[in-house]
Amino acid sequence: MKELEAMIELTRLNGNPMVLNSDLIKTAEASPDTMLTLINGEKLIVREDCNEVVERVIAYRARLLASVARRLPSYDEQQKVVSLTSLDLSGQPKSAPPKG
């Protein structure tokens, strides 16, 4: 189920589970059920509240960033990725230069 790792799992209002590419979410509104509007205009109603949807998106993106960071050879390469995500690692110690 490798493809499911790139998505978040949510529950439709009728109780059926679904997976959704979180990059497709444009807005999330509570009215009182959570309605997600996708970038293509499609609307989905899910059982999870807005905060839970946001937490799942953040958790997915954190896993993605961690996966990318593990593959980078140096602190400088990590800084390049971090700058793309607007995170600040300025307080992190720099790794020692490779011996060789």
N, C-alpha and C. Protein backbone atom coordinates (compact mmCIF):
# COMPACT_ATOMS: atom_id res chain seq x y z
N MET A 1 0.83 -1.19 0.00
CA MET A 1 0.00 0.00 0.00
C MET A 1 0.87 1.25 0.00
N LYS A 2 1.91 1.26 -0.78
CA LYS A 2 2.83 2.38 -0.84
C LYS A 2 2.12 3.67 -1.21
N GLU A 3 1.14 3.60 -2.11
CA GLU A 3 0.45 4.82 -2.55
C GLU A 3 -0.35 5.46 -1.43
N LEU A 4 -0.77 4.69 -0.43
CA LEU A 4 -1.53 5.25 0.68
C LEU A 4 -0.66 6.11 1.58
N GLU A 5 0.65 5.88 1.58
CA GLU A 5 1.55 6.67 2.39
C GLU A 5 1.58 8.13 1.95
N ALA A 6 1.18 8.41 0.72
CA ALA A 6 1.19 9.77 0.20
C ALA A 6 -0.14 10.47 0.43
N MET A 7 -1.01 9.85 1.20
CA MET A 7 -2.33 10.41 1.41
C MET A 7 -2.69 10.38 2.88
N ILE A 8 -3.76 11.07 3.20
CA ILE A 8 -4.28 11.02 4.57
C ILE A 8 -5.57 10.22 4.56
N GLU A 9 -5.80 9.49 5.64
CA GLU A 9 -7.02 8.69 5.74
C GLU A 9 -8.07 9.50 6.48
N LEU A 10 -9.26 9.55 5.90
CA LEU A 10 -10.40 10.26 6.47
C LEU A 10 -11.63 9.36 6.40
N THR A 11 -12.70 9.79 7.03
CA THR A 11 -13.94 9.01 7.04
C THR A 11 -15.07 9.85 6.46
N ARG A 12 -15.71 9.33 5.42
CA ARG A 12 -16.86 10.02 4.86
C ARG A 12 -17.97 10.08 5.90
N LEU A 13 -18.91 10.97 5.72
CA LEU A 13 -20.00 11.14 6.67
C LEU A 13 -20.79 9.84 6.85
N ASN A 14 -20.86 9.01 5.79
CA ASN A 14 -21.61 7.75 5.88
C ASN A 14 -20.82 6.63 6.57
N GLY A 15 -19.60 6.94 7.02
CA GLY A 15 -18.79 5.96 7.75
C GLY A 15 -17.77 5.23 6.90
N ASN A 16 -17.80 5.40 5.59
CA ASN A 16 -16.83 4.74 4.72
C ASN A 16 -15.48 5.43 4.79
N PRO A 17 -14.41 4.66 5.00
CA PRO A 17 -13.07 5.26 5.01
C PRO A 17 -12.65 5.65 3.60
N MET A 18 -11.80 6.64 3.52
CA MET A 18 -11.26 7.07 2.22
C MET A 18 -9.86 7.61 2.46
N VAL A 19 -9.08 7.65 1.41
CA VAL A 19 -7.78 8.29 1.46
C VAL A 19 -7.80 9.45 0.47
N LEU A 20 -7.11 10.51 0.86
CA LEU A 20 -7.15 11.74 0.07
C LEU A 20 -5.75 12.32 -0.02
N ASN A 21 -5.38 12.75 -1.20
CA ASN A 21 -4.13 13.46 -1.39
C ASN A 21 -4.30 14.83 -0.74
N SER A 22 -3.57 15.08 0.33
CA SER A 22 -3.76 16.32 1.08
C SER A 22 -3.38 17.57 0.28
N ASP A 23 -2.59 17.41 -0.77
CA ASP A 23 -2.24 18.55 -1.61
C ASP A 23 -3.44 19.08 -2.41
N LEU A 24 -4.50 18.29 -2.47
CA LEU A 24 -5.69 18.70 -3.22
C LEU A 24 -6.65 19.53 -2.39
N ILE A 25 -6.44 19.63 -1.08
CA ILE A 25 -7.35 20.37 -0.22
C ILE A 25 -7.10 21.86 -0.35
N LYS A 26 -8.16 22.58 -0.73
CA LYS A 26 -8.07 24.04 -0.84
C LYS A 26 -8.53 24.69 0.47
N THR A 27 -9.71 24.26 0.98
CA THR A 27 -10.22 24.79 2.24
C THR A 27 -10.88 23.69 3.04
N ALA A 28 -10.97 23.92 4.34
CA ALA A 28 -11.70 23.03 5.24
C ALA A 28 -12.59 23.92 6.11
N GLU A 29 -13.89 23.62 6.14
CA GLU A 29 -14.84 24.42 6.90
C GLU A 29 -15.65 23.52 7.82
N ALA A 30 -15.99 24.04 9.00
CA ALA A 30 -16.89 23.34 9.90
C ALA A 30 -18.26 24.00 9.81
N SER A 31 -19.29 23.23 9.45
CA SER A 31 -20.59 23.86 9.22
C SER A 31 -21.79 22.96 9.50
N PRO A 32 -22.05 22.26 10.53
CA PRO A 32 -21.14 21.85 11.60
C PRO A 32 -20.25 20.68 11.19
N ASP A 33 -20.64 19.92 10.16
CA ASP A 33 -19.75 18.86 9.68
C ASP A 33 -18.59 19.50 8.94
N THR A 34 -17.50 18.76 8.83
CA THR A 34 -16.33 19.30 8.13
C THR A 34 -16.49 19.10 6.63
N MET A 35 -16.46 20.22 5.91
CA MET A 35 -16.55 20.17 4.45
C MET A 35 -15.21 20.59 3.87
N LEU A 36 -14.64 19.69 3.08
CA LEU A 36 -13.38 19.98 2.39
C LEU A 36 -13.69 20.39 0.97
N THR A 37 -13.11 21.49 0.54
CA THR A 37 -13.21 21.90 -0.85
C THR A 37 -11.86 21.63 -1.49
N LEU A 38 -11.88 20.87 -2.56
CA LEU A 38 -10.64 20.52 -3.25
C LEU A 38 -10.31 21.56 -4.29
N ILE A 39 -9.09 21.53 -4.80
CA ILE A 39 -8.66 22.54 -5.76
C ILE A 39 -9.44 22.48 -7.07
N ASN A 40 -10.08 21.33 -7.34
CA ASN A 40 -10.89 21.22 -8.56
C ASN A 40 -12.35 21.62 -8.33
N GLY A 41 -12.67 22.09 -7.10
CA GLY A 41 -14.02 22.53 -6.78
C GLY A 41 -14.89 21.45 -6.15
N GLU A 42 -14.45 20.20 -6.18
CA GLU A 42 -15.22 19.12 -5.57
C GLU A 42 -15.29 19.34 -4.06
N LYS A 43 -16.44 19.01 -3.48
CA LYS A 43 -16.63 19.16 -2.04
C LYS A 43 -16.83 17.78 -1.41
N LEU A 44 -16.17 17.55 -0.28
CA LEU A 44 -16.28 16.30 0.46
C LEU A 44 -16.66 16.62 1.89
N ILE A 45 -17.57 15.85 2.46
CA ILE A 45 -17.92 16.00 3.87
C ILE A 45 -17.34 14.80 4.61
N VAL A 46 -16.59 15.09 5.68
CA VAL A 46 -15.93 14.04 6.44
C VAL A 46 -16.31 14.15 7.91
N ARG A 47 -16.15 13.03 8.63
CA ARG A 47 -16.48 12.98 10.06
C ARG A 47 -15.45 13.69 10.93
N GLU A 48 -14.20 13.70 10.51
CA GLU A 48 -13.15 14.33 11.31
C GLU A 48 -13.38 15.84 11.37
N ASP A 49 -13.06 16.44 12.52
CA ASP A 49 -13.21 17.90 12.60
C ASP A 49 -12.03 18.57 11.90
N CYS A 50 -12.14 19.87 11.69
CA CYS A 50 -11.11 20.61 10.95
C CYS A 50 -9.73 20.45 11.58
N ASN A 51 -9.67 20.51 12.91
CA ASN A 51 -8.38 20.37 13.58
C ASN A 51 -7.74 19.02 13.30
N GLU A 52 -8.53 17.97 13.29
CA GLU A 52 -8.01 16.62 13.01
C GLU A 52 -7.50 16.53 11.57
N VAL A 53 -8.22 17.12 10.63
CA VAL A 53 -7.77 17.13 9.24
C VAL A 53 -6.43 17.85 9.14
N VAL A 54 -6.33 19.01 9.78
CA VAL A 54 -5.08 19.78 9.75
C VAL A 54 -3.94 18.97 10.38
N GLU A 55 -4.20 18.32 11.51
CA GLU A 55 -3.17 17.51 12.17
C GLU A 55 -2.69 16.38 11.26
N ARG A 56 -3.61 15.76 10.55
CA ARG A 56 -3.21 14.66 9.65
C ARG A 56 -2.38 15.18 8.48
N VAL A 57 -2.73 16.36 7.97
CA VAL A 57 -1.96 16.96 6.88
C VAL A 57 -0.56 17.30 7.38
N ILE A 58 -0.47 17.91 8.55
CA ILE A 58 0.83 18.28 9.12
C ILE A 58 1.67 17.04 9.37
N ALA A 59 1.06 15.99 9.92
CA ALA A 59 1.80 14.75 10.19
C ALA A 59 2.32 14.14 8.88
N TYR A 60 1.49 14.15 7.85
CA TYR A 60 1.94 13.62 6.55
C TYR A 60 3.12 14.43 6.02
N ARG A 61 3.01 15.74 6.07
CA ARG A 61 4.08 16.58 5.52
C ARG A 61 5.36 16.46 6.35
N ALA A 62 5.23 16.28 7.66
CA ALA A 62 6.41 16.07 8.51
C ALA A 62 7.10 14.76 8.14
N ARG A 63 6.31 13.70 7.89
CA ARG A 63 6.90 12.42 7.47
C ARG A 63 7.61 12.58 6.13
N LEU A 64 7.00 13.33 5.23
CA LEU A 64 7.60 13.55 3.92
C LEU A 64 8.92 14.31 4.04
N LEU A 65 8.93 15.38 4.82
CA LEU A 65 10.14 16.16 5.00
C LEU A 65 11.23 15.34 5.68
N ALA A 66 10.86 14.54 6.68
CA ALA A 66 11.84 13.69 7.37
C ALA A 66 12.43 12.68 6.39
N SER A 67 11.60 12.14 5.52
CA SER A 67 12.07 11.17 4.54
C SER A 67 13.09 11.81 3.59
N VAL A 68 12.81 13.02 3.16
CA VAL A 68 13.73 13.73 2.27
C VAL A 68 15.03 14.04 3.02
N ALA A 69 14.91 14.51 4.25
CA ALA A 69 16.10 14.88 5.04
C ALA A 69 17.02 13.69 5.26
N ARG A 70 16.44 12.50 5.48
CA ARG A 70 17.27 11.31 5.70
C ARG A 70 18.11 10.97 4.47
N ARG A 71 17.67 11.38 3.32
CA ARG A 71 18.38 11.04 2.08
C ARG A 71 19.44 12.07 1.71
N LEU A 72 19.48 13.18 2.42
CA LEU A 72 20.43 14.24 2.08
C LEU A 72 21.78 13.98 2.74
N PRO A 73 22.87 14.26 2.04
CA PRO A 73 24.19 13.94 2.56
C PRO A 73 24.74 14.92 3.59
N SER A 74 24.25 16.16 3.66
CA SER A 74 24.89 17.13 4.54
C SER A 74 23.91 18.16 5.06
N TYR A 75 24.38 18.92 6.05
CA TYR A 75 23.58 20.00 6.62
C TYR A 75 23.24 21.03 5.54
N ASP A 76 24.19 21.35 4.68
CA ASP A 76 23.93 22.33 3.62
C ASP A 76 22.79 21.89 2.71
N GLU A 77 22.75 20.60 2.38
CA GLU A 77 21.67 20.08 1.56
C GLU A 77 20.34 20.17 2.32
N GLN A 78 20.38 19.90 3.64
CA GLN A 78 19.16 20.02 4.44
C GLN A 78 18.69 21.46 4.46
N GLN A 79 19.61 22.41 4.56
CA GLN A 79 19.23 23.83 4.53
C GLN A 79 18.50 24.18 3.24
N LYS A 80 18.92 23.59 2.12
CA LYS A 80 18.24 23.86 0.85
C LYS A 80 16.79 23.39 0.91
N VAL A 81 16.56 22.19 1.44
CA VAL A 81 15.21 21.66 1.54
C VAL A 81 14.39 22.47 2.53
N VAL A 82 15.00 22.79 3.67
CA VAL A 82 14.30 23.54 4.70
C VAL A 82 13.90 24.92 4.17
N SER A 83 14.76 25.54 3.41
CA SER A 83 14.42 26.86 2.88
C SER A 83 13.22 26.78 1.95
N LEU A 84 13.05 25.66 1.29
CA LEU A 84 11.89 25.49 0.41
C LEU A 84 10.60 25.35 1.21
N THR A 85 10.71 24.88 2.45
CA THR A 85 9.51 24.68 3.27
C THR A 85 9.32 25.78 4.29
N SER A 86 10.18 26.79 4.28
CA SER A 86 10.10 27.94 5.18
C SER A 86 10.26 27.58 6.65
N LEU A 87 10.98 26.51 6.93
CA LEU A 87 11.29 26.15 8.31
C LEU A 87 12.64 26.75 8.68
N ASP A 88 12.85 26.99 9.96
CA ASP A 88 14.10 27.59 10.41
C ASP A 88 14.89 26.57 11.23
N LEU A 89 16.05 26.19 10.73
CA LEU A 89 16.94 25.28 11.45
C LEU A 89 18.19 26.01 11.93
N SER A 90 18.13 27.33 12.02
CA SER A 90 19.33 28.09 12.36
C SER A 90 19.89 27.73 13.73
N GLY A 91 19.06 27.21 14.62
CA GLY A 91 19.53 26.81 15.94
C GLY A 91 20.13 25.43 15.98
N GLN A 92 20.06 24.69 14.88
CA GLN A 92 20.60 23.33 14.82
C GLN A 92 22.10 23.37 14.58
N PRO A 93 22.87 22.51 15.27
CA PRO A 93 24.31 22.47 15.02
C PRO A 93 24.60 21.92 13.63
N LYS A 94 25.61 22.46 13.02
CA LYS A 94 26.01 21.95 11.70
C LYS A 94 26.74 20.64 11.86
N SER A 95 26.53 19.75 10.89
CA SER A 95 27.23 18.48 10.93
C SER A 95 28.68 18.70 10.51
N ALA A 96 29.55 17.84 11.00
CA ALA A 96 30.96 17.93 10.65
C ALA A 96 31.15 17.65 9.17
N PRO A 97 32.10 18.32 8.55
CA PRO A 97 32.34 18.03 7.13
C PRO A 97 32.82 16.61 6.95
N PRO A 98 32.48 15.99 5.83
CA PRO A 98 32.89 14.60 5.61
C PRO A 98 34.40 14.48 5.56
N LYS A 99 34.90 13.39 6.14
CA LYS A 99 36.36 13.13 6.10
C LYS A 99 36.69 12.48 4.76
N GLY A 100 37.81 12.83 4.26
CA GLY A 100 38.09 12.11 3.06
C GLY A 100 39.12 12.68 2.24
